[in-house]
Amino acid sequence: MKSQWHTLAYDPVRHCVWIVDQDGGRSVTNDAEAVVAEINQRHPACRIIYRDTMGNWDELRHRNGTFIGFAPARDVLPP
């Protein structure tokens, strides 16, 4: 089952995409590899910041669309 999320904001100047976990199906956290691959196709090389189901902002770190880990991103709030 695929995660459900929506794009909250995209900032091409800051090279960031913010998404929000919709808390349906798999979570963004548990489906991170697929989420990163999909977003990287739409917005290559952008940072991916997501709000999890607990309301925390974190980053899905990746290298060329391959998920490499999580990082806190509370300082990179959406515009």
PDB file of N, CA and C in Angstrom:
ATOM      1  N   MET A   1       0.843  -1.174   0.000  1.00  0.00           N
ATOM      2  CA  MET A   1       0.000   0.000   0.000  1.00  0.00           C
ATOM      3  C   MET A   1       0.893   1.244   0.000  1.00  0.00           C
ATOM      4  N   LYS A   2       0.551   2.200  -0.805  1.00  0.00           N
ATOM      5  CA  LYS A   2       1.315   3.425  -0.986  1.00  0.00           C
ATOM      6  C   LYS A   2       0.953   4.471   0.072  1.00  0.00           C
ATOM      7  N   SER A   3       1.925   5.301   0.422  1.00  0.00           N
ATOM      8  CA  SER A   3       1.648   6.383   1.370  1.00  0.00           C
ATOM      9  C   SER A   3       0.797   7.457   0.703  1.00  0.00           C
ATOM     10  N   GLN A   4       0.106   8.203   1.538  1.00  0.00           N
ATOM     11  CA  GLN A   4      -0.730   9.296   1.051  1.00  0.00           C
ATOM     12  C   GLN A   4      -0.199  10.594   1.626  1.00  0.00           C
ATOM     13  N   TRP A   5       0.119  11.519   0.733  1.00  0.00           N
ATOM     14  CA  TRP A   5       0.657  12.804   1.133  1.00  0.00           C
ATOM     15  C   TRP A   5       0.271  13.832   0.077  1.00  0.00           C
ATOM     16  N   HIS A   6       0.397  15.102   0.424  1.00  0.00           N
ATOM     17  CA  HIS A   6       0.164  16.146  -0.567  1.00  0.00           C
ATOM     18  C   HIS A   6       1.267  17.197  -0.457  1.00  0.00           C
ATOM     19  N   THR A   7       1.503  17.869  -1.565  1.00  0.00           N
ATOM     20  CA  THR A   7       2.510  18.923  -1.598  1.00  0.00           C
ATOM     21  C   THR A   7       1.912  20.184  -0.992  1.00  0.00           C
ATOM     22  N   LEU A   8       2.572  20.693   0.010  1.00  0.00           N
ATOM     23  CA  LEU A   8       2.143  21.916   0.678  1.00  0.00           C
ATOM     24  C   LEU A   8       2.743  23.139  -0.020  1.00  0.00           C
ATOM     25  N   ALA A   9       4.018  23.048  -0.370  1.00  0.00           N
ATOM     26  CA  ALA A   9       4.699  24.175  -1.008  1.00  0.00           C
ATOM     27  C   ALA A   9       5.912  23.686  -1.781  1.00  0.00           C
ATOM     28  N   TYR A  10       6.278  24.475  -2.784  1.00  0.00           N
ATOM     29  CA  TYR A  10       7.480  24.231  -3.573  1.00  0.00           C
ATOM     30  C   TYR A  10       8.161  25.569  -3.755  1.00  0.00           C
ATOM     31  N   ASP A  11       9.434  25.642  -3.451  1.00  0.00           N
ATOM     32  CA  ASP A  11      10.193  26.883  -3.590  1.00  0.00           C
ATOM     33  C   ASP A  11      11.399  26.604  -4.476  1.00  0.00           C
ATOM     34  N   PRO A  12      11.325  26.981  -5.764  1.00  0.00           N
ATOM     35  CA  PRO A  12      12.434  26.704  -6.671  1.00  0.00           C
ATOM     36  C   PRO A  12      13.702  27.498  -6.351  1.00  0.00           C
ATOM     37  N   VAL A  13      13.568  28.613  -5.663  1.00  0.00           N
ATOM     38  CA  VAL A  13      14.742  29.406  -5.292  1.00  0.00           C
ATOM     39  C   VAL A  13      15.519  28.708  -4.175  1.00  0.00           C
ATOM     40  N   ARG A  14      14.799  28.196  -3.189  1.00  0.00           N
ATOM     41  CA  ARG A  14      15.442  27.492  -2.063  1.00  0.00           C
ATOM     42  C   ARG A  14      15.641  26.008  -2.356  1.00  0.00           C
ATOM     43  N   HIS A  15      15.139  25.548  -3.486  1.00  0.00           N
ATOM     44  CA  HIS A  15      15.238  24.135  -3.885  1.00  0.00           C
ATOM     45  C   HIS A  15      14.670  23.214  -2.807  1.00  0.00           C
ATOM     46  N   CYS A  16      13.450  23.542  -2.374  1.00  0.00           N
ATOM     47  CA  CYS A  16      12.775  22.763  -1.335  1.00  0.00           C
ATOM     48  C   CYS A  16      11.343  22.438  -1.746  1.00  0.00           C
ATOM     49  N   VAL A  17      10.910  21.260  -1.319  1.00  0.00           N
ATOM     50  CA  VAL A  17       9.522  20.833  -1.451  1.00  0.00           C
ATOM     51  C   VAL A  17       9.062  20.448  -0.052  1.00  0.00           C
ATOM     52  N   TRP A  18       7.876  20.938   0.337  1.00  0.00           N
ATOM     53  CA  TRP A  18       7.289  20.577   1.626  1.00  0.00           C
ATOM     54  C   TRP A  18       6.059  19.721   1.367  1.00  0.00           C
ATOM     55  N   ILE A  19       5.984  18.591   2.036  1.00  0.00           N
ATOM     56  CA  ILE A  19       4.827  17.720   1.894  1.00  0.00           C
ATOM     57  C   ILE A  19       4.248  17.428   3.269  1.00  0.00           C
ATOM     58  N   VAL A  20       2.987  16.999   3.267  1.00  0.00           N
ATOM     59  CA  VAL A  20       2.294  16.671   4.518  1.00  0.00           C
ATOM     60  C   VAL A  20       1.778  15.247   4.420  1.00  0.00           C
ATOM     61  N   ASP A  21       2.108  14.457   5.418  1.00  0.00           N
ATOM     62  CA  ASP A  21       1.636  13.074   5.502  1.00  0.00           C
ATOM     63  C   ASP A  21       0.136  13.090   5.778  1.00  0.00           C
ATOM     64  N   GLN A  22      -0.634  12.374   4.970  1.00  0.00           N
ATOM     65  CA  GLN A  22      -2.095  12.334   5.120  1.00  0.00           C
ATOM     66  C   GLN A  22      -2.570  11.245   6.077  1.00  0.00           C
ATOM     67  N   ASP A  23      -1.653  10.502   6.656  1.00  0.00           N
ATOM     68  CA  ASP A  23      -1.998   9.472   7.640  1.00  0.00           C
ATOM     69  C   ASP A  23      -2.958   8.430   7.058  1.00  0.00           C
ATOM     70  N   GLY A  24      -2.657   7.980   5.861  1.00  0.00           N
ATOM     71  CA  GLY A  24      -3.456   6.935   5.230  1.00  0.00           C
ATOM     72  C   GLY A  24      -2.529   5.961   4.525  1.00  0.00           C
ATOM     73  N   GLY A  25      -2.874   4.711   4.494  1.00  0.00           N
ATOM     74  CA  GLY A  25      -1.974   3.736   3.890  1.00  0.00           C
ATOM     75  C   GLY A  25      -0.703   3.660   4.705  1.00  0.00           C
ATOM     76  N   ARG A  26       0.427   3.624   4.033  1.00  0.00           N
ATOM     77  CA  ARG A  26       1.717   3.657   4.727  1.00  0.00           C
ATOM     78  C   ARG A  26       2.071   5.108   5.033  1.00  0.00           C
ATOM     79  N   SER A  27       2.792   5.324   6.113  1.00  0.00           N
ATOM     80  CA  SER A  27       3.232   6.680   6.432  1.00  0.00           C
ATOM     81  C   SER A  27       4.373   7.074   5.498  1.00  0.00           C
ATOM     82  N   VAL A  28       4.602   8.370   5.372  1.00  0.00           N
ATOM     83  CA  VAL A  28       5.734   8.846   4.585  1.00  0.00           C
ATOM     84  C   VAL A  28       7.026   8.267   5.165  1.00  0.00           C
ATOM     85  N   THR A  29       7.112   8.202   6.478  1.00  0.00           N
ATOM     86  CA  THR A  29       8.292   7.642   7.133  1.00  0.00           C
ATOM     87  C   THR A  29       8.543   6.202   6.685  1.00  0.00           C
ATOM     88  N   ASN A  30       7.498   5.399   6.652  1.00  0.00           N
ATOM     89  CA  ASN A  30       7.649   3.993   6.287  1.00  0.00           C
ATOM     90  C   ASN A  30       7.750   3.760   4.786  1.00  0.00           C
ATOM     91  N   ASP A  31       7.428   4.765   3.984  1.00  0.00           N
ATOM     92  CA  ASP A  31       7.465   4.642   2.529  1.00  0.00           C
ATOM     93  C   ASP A  31       8.465   5.640   1.932  1.00  0.00           C
ATOM     94  N   ALA A  32       9.462   6.009   2.714  1.00  0.00           N
ATOM     95  CA  ALA A  32      10.386   7.078   2.348  1.00  0.00           C
ATOM     96  C   ALA A  32      11.060   6.860   0.996  1.00  0.00           C
ATOM     97  N   GLU A  33      11.478   5.652   0.689  1.00  0.00           N
ATOM     98  CA  GLU A  33      12.172   5.405  -0.579  1.00  0.00           C
ATOM     99  C   GLU A  33      11.286   5.732  -1.775  1.00  0.00           C
ATOM    100  N   ALA A  34      10.030   5.299  -1.730  1.00  0.00           N
ATOM    101  CA  ALA A  34       9.103   5.555  -2.832  1.00  0.00           C
ATOM    102  C   ALA A  34       8.728   7.036  -2.908  1.00  0.00           C
ATOM    103  N   VAL A  35       8.535   7.675  -1.766  1.00  0.00           N
ATOM    104  CA  VAL A  35       8.181   9.100  -1.736  1.00  0.00           C
ATOM    105  C   VAL A  35       9.316   9.927  -2.335  1.00  0.00           C
ATOM    106  N   VAL A  36      10.546   9.648  -1.929  1.00  0.00           N
ATOM    107  CA  VAL A  36      11.700  10.379  -2.457  1.00  0.00           C
ATOM    108  C   VAL A  36      11.812  10.197  -3.969  1.00  0.00           C
ATOM    109  N   ALA A  37      11.672   8.974  -4.438  1.00  0.00           N
ATOM    110  CA  ALA A  37      11.780   8.710  -5.880  1.00  0.00           C
ATOM    111  C   ALA A  37      10.721   9.487  -6.661  1.00  0.00           C
ATOM    112  N   GLU A  38       9.494   9.496  -6.158  1.00  0.00           N
ATOM    113  CA  GLU A  38       8.405  10.193  -6.848  1.00  0.00           C
ATOM    114  C   GLU A  38       8.612  11.706  -6.860  1.00  0.00           C
ATOM    115  N   ILE A  39       8.980  12.273  -5.726  1.00  0.00           N
ATOM    116  CA  ILE A  39       9.173  13.720  -5.659  1.00  0.00           C
ATOM    117  C   ILE A  39      10.393  14.140  -6.470  1.00  0.00           C
ATOM    118  N   ASN A  40      11.443  13.351  -6.451  1.00  0.00           N
ATOM    119  CA  ASN A  40      12.633  13.694  -7.212  1.00  0.00           C
ATOM    120  C   ASN A  40      12.356  13.712  -8.719  1.00  0.00           C
ATOM    121  N   GLN A  41      11.427  12.909  -9.179  1.00  0.00           N
ATOM    122  CA  GLN A  41      11.053  12.952 -10.596  1.00  0.00           C
ATOM    123  C   GLN A  41      10.401  14.287 -10.948  1.00  0.00           C
ATOM    124  N   ARG A  42       9.603  14.818 -10.037  1.00  0.00           N
ATOM    125  CA  ARG A  42       8.903  16.085 -10.267  1.00  0.00           C
ATOM    126  C   ARG A  42       9.796  17.295 -10.023  1.00  0.00           C
ATOM    127  N   HIS A  43      10.636  17.196  -8.992  1.00  0.00           N
ATOM    128  CA  HIS A  43      11.476  18.315  -8.560  1.00  0.00           C
ATOM    129  C   HIS A  43      12.891  17.801  -8.292  1.00  0.00           C
ATOM    130  N   PRO A  44      13.662  17.531  -9.343  1.00  0.00           N
ATOM    131  CA  PRO A  44      15.008  16.958  -9.158  1.00  0.00           C
ATOM    132  C   PRO A  44      15.901  17.807  -8.262  1.00  0.00           C
ATOM    133  N   ALA A  45      16.642  17.125  -7.413  1.00  0.00           N
ATOM    134  CA  ALA A  45      17.664  17.714  -6.546  1.00  0.00           C
ATOM    135  C   ALA A  45      17.130  18.655  -5.472  1.00  0.00           C
ATOM    136  N   CYS A  46      15.835  18.677  -5.240  1.00  0.00           N
ATOM    137  CA  CYS A  46      15.271  19.522  -4.180  1.00  0.00           C
ATOM    138  C   CYS A  46      15.337  18.815  -2.839  1.00  0.00           C
ATOM    139  N   ARG A  47      15.456  19.611  -1.797  1.00  0.00           N
ATOM    140  CA  ARG A  47      15.318  19.070  -0.445  1.00  0.00           C
ATOM    141  C   ARG A  47      13.852  18.710  -0.250  1.00  0.00           C
ATOM    142  N   ILE A  48      13.595  17.623   0.447  1.00  0.00           N
ATOM    143  CA  ILE A  48      12.224  17.177   0.695  1.00  0.00           C
ATOM    144  C   ILE A  48      11.972  17.260   2.195  1.00  0.00           C
ATOM    145  N   ILE A  49      11.107  18.180   2.556  1.00  0.00           N
ATOM    146  CA  ILE A  49      10.758  18.403   3.957  1.00  0.00           C
ATOM    147  C   ILE A  49       9.325  17.919   4.149  1.00  0.00           C
ATOM    148  N   TYR A  50       9.085  17.141   5.193  1.00  0.00           N
ATOM    149  CA  TYR A  50       7.730  16.638   5.400  1.00  0.00           C
ATOM    150  C   TYR A  50       7.273  16.803   6.833  1.00  0.00           C
ATOM    151  N   ARG A  51       5.962  17.005   6.971  1.00  0.00           N
ATOM    152  CA  ARG A  51       5.352  17.049   8.301  1.00  0.00           C
ATOM    153  C   ARG A  51       4.755  15.685   8.552  1.00  0.00           C
ATOM    154  N   ASP A  52       5.229  15.053   9.605  1.00  0.00           N
ATOM    155  CA  ASP A  52       4.740  13.715   9.909  1.00  0.00           C
ATOM    156  C   ASP A  52       3.395  13.771  10.631  1.00  0.00           C
ATOM    157  N   THR A  53       2.863  12.627  10.950  1.00  0.00           N
ATOM    158  CA  THR A  53       1.539  12.563  11.575  1.00  0.00           C
ATOM    159  C   THR A  53       1.531  13.121  12.993  1.00  0.00           C
ATOM    160  N   MET A  54       2.712  13.321  13.581  1.00  0.00           N
ATOM    161  CA  MET A  54       2.816  13.915  14.918  1.00  0.00           C
ATOM    162  C   MET A  54       2.960  15.439  14.838  1.00  0.00           C
ATOM    163  N   GLY A  55       3.091  15.975  13.609  1.00  0.00           N
ATOM    164  CA  GLY A  55       3.219  17.413  13.414  1.00  0.00           C
ATOM    165  C   GLY A  55       4.646  17.916  13.362  1.00  0.00           C
ATOM    166  N   ASN A  56       5.620  17.010  13.370  1.00  0.00           N
ATOM    167  CA  ASN A  56       7.026  17.403  13.316  1.00  0.00           C
ATOM    168  C   ASN A  56       7.492  17.556  11.872  1.00  0.00           C
ATOM    169  N   TRP A  57       8.373  18.524  11.635  1.00  0.00           N
ATOM    170  CA  TRP A  57       8.973  18.722  10.318  1.00  0.00           C
ATOM    171  C   TRP A  57      10.321  18.021  10.287  1.00  0.00           C
ATOM    172  N   ASP A  58      10.498  17.142   9.316  1.00  0.00           N
ATOM    173  CA  ASP A  58      11.753  16.412   9.131  1.00  0.00           C
ATOM    174  C   ASP A  58      12.106  16.403   7.655  1.00  0.00           C
ATOM    175  N   GLU A  59      13.344  16.045   7.374  1.00  0.00           N
ATOM    176  CA  GLU A  59      13.801  15.990   5.997  1.00  0.00           C
ATOM    177  C   GLU A  59      14.009  14.552   5.569  1.00  0.00           C
ATOM    178  N   LEU A  60      13.580  14.251   4.352  1.00  0.00           N
ATOM    179  CA  LEU A  60      13.896  12.978   3.714  1.00  0.00           C
ATOM    180  C   LEU A  60      15.166  13.235   2.905  1.00  0.00           C
ATOM    181  N   ARG A  61      16.298  12.860   3.430  1.00  0.00           N
ATOM    182  CA  ARG A  61      17.570  13.118   2.755  1.00  0.00           C
ATOM    183  C   ARG A  61      17.731  12.129   1.616  1.00  0.00           C
ATOM    184  N   HIS A  62      18.280  12.625   0.526  1.00  0.00           N
ATOM    185  CA  HIS A  62      18.481  11.744  -0.624  1.00  0.00           C
ATOM    186  C   HIS A  62      19.677  12.204  -1.449  1.00  0.00           C
ATOM    187  N   ARG A  63      20.151  11.295  -2.246  1.00  0.00           N
ATOM    188  CA  ARG A  63      21.224  11.571  -3.189  1.00  0.00           C
ATOM    189  C   ARG A  63      20.724  11.151  -4.553  1.00  0.00           C
ATOM    190  N   ASN A  64      20.470  12.131  -5.416  1.00  0.00           N
ATOM    191  CA  ASN A  64      19.970  11.869  -6.774  1.00  0.00           C
ATOM    192  C   ASN A  64      18.717  11.000  -6.771  1.00  0.00           C
ATOM    193  N   GLY A  65      17.816  11.243  -5.824  1.00  0.00           N
ATOM    194  CA  GLY A  65      16.554  10.516  -5.780  1.00  0.00           C
ATOM    195  C   GLY A  65      16.593   9.202  -5.039  1.00  0.00           C
ATOM    196  N   THR A  66      17.745   8.864  -4.446  1.00  0.00           N
ATOM    197  CA  THR A  66      17.846   7.654  -3.644  1.00  0.00           C
ATOM    198  C   THR A  66      17.855   8.046  -2.172  1.00  0.00           C
ATOM    199  N   PHE A  67      16.879   7.570  -1.430  1.00  0.00           N
ATOM    200  CA  PHE A  67      16.733   7.896  -0.011  1.00  0.00           C
ATOM    201  C   PHE A  67      17.970   7.441   0.763  1.00  0.00           C
ATOM    202  N   ILE A  68      18.528   8.356   1.601  1.00  0.00           N
ATOM    203  CA  ILE A  68      19.706   8.003   2.390  1.00  0.00           C
ATOM    204  C   ILE A  68      19.505   8.212   3.894  1.00  0.00           C
ATOM    205  N   GLY A  69      18.373   8.780   4.310  1.00  0.00           N
ATOM    206  CA  GLY A  69      18.141   8.916   5.739  1.00  0.00           C
ATOM    207  C   GLY A  69      17.244  10.094   6.091  1.00  0.00           C
ATOM    208  N   PHE A  70      17.012  10.232   7.384  1.00  0.00           N
ATOM    209  CA  PHE A  70      16.164  11.291   7.930  1.00  0.00           C
ATOM    210  C   PHE A  70      17.031  12.323   8.643  1.00  0.00           C
ATOM    211  N   ALA A  71      16.522  13.545   8.712  1.00  0.00           N
ATOM    212  CA  ALA A  71      17.187  14.602   9.479  1.00  0.00           C
ATOM    213  C   ALA A  71      16.119  15.556   9.983  1.00  0.00           C
ATOM    214  N   PRO A  72      16.316  16.143  11.162  1.00  0.00           N
ATOM    215  CA  PRO A  72      15.368  17.147  11.635  1.00  0.00           C
ATOM    216  C   PRO A  72      15.409  18.359  10.705  1.00  0.00           C
ATOM    217  N   ALA A  73      14.258  18.977  10.487  1.00  0.00           N
ATOM    218  CA  ALA A  73      14.208  20.143   9.592  1.00  0.00           C
ATOM    219  C   ALA A  73      13.284  21.202  10.148  1.00  0.00           C
ATOM    220  N   ARG A  74      13.328  21.405  11.429  1.00  0.00           N
ATOM    221  CA  ARG A  74      12.423  22.356  12.058  1.00  0.00           C
ATOM    222  C   ARG A  74      12.783  23.805  11.734  1.00  0.00           C
ATOM    223  N   ASP A  75      13.980  24.021  11.174  1.00  0.00           N
ATOM    224  CA  ASP A  75      14.409  25.364  10.798  1.00  0.00           C
ATOM    225  C   ASP A  75      14.102  25.687   9.331  1.00  0.00           C
ATOM    226  N   VAL A  76      13.523  24.738   8.600  1.00  0.00           N
ATOM    227  CA  VAL A  76      13.231  24.920   7.169  1.00  0.00           C
ATOM    228  C   VAL A  76      11.710  24.869   6.986  1.00  0.00           C
ATOM    229  N   LEU A  77      11.018  25.798   7.602  1.00  0.00           N
ATOM    230  CA  LEU A  77       9.571  25.808   7.550  1.00  0.00           C
ATOM    231  C   LEU A  77       9.075  26.312   6.198  1.00  0.00           C
ATOM    232  N   PRO A  78       7.894  25.878   5.785  1.00  0.00           N
ATOM    233  CA  PRO A  78       7.373  26.291   4.469  1.00  0.00           C
ATOM    234  C   PRO A  78       7.121  27.803   4.419  1.00  0.00           C
ATOM    235  N   PRO A  79       7.162  28.326   3.198  1.00  0.00           N
ATOM    236  CA  PRO A  79       6.939  29.771   3.039  1.00  0.00           C
ATOM    237  C   PRO A  79       5.498  30.153   3.380  1.00  0.00           C
TER     238      PRO A  79
END
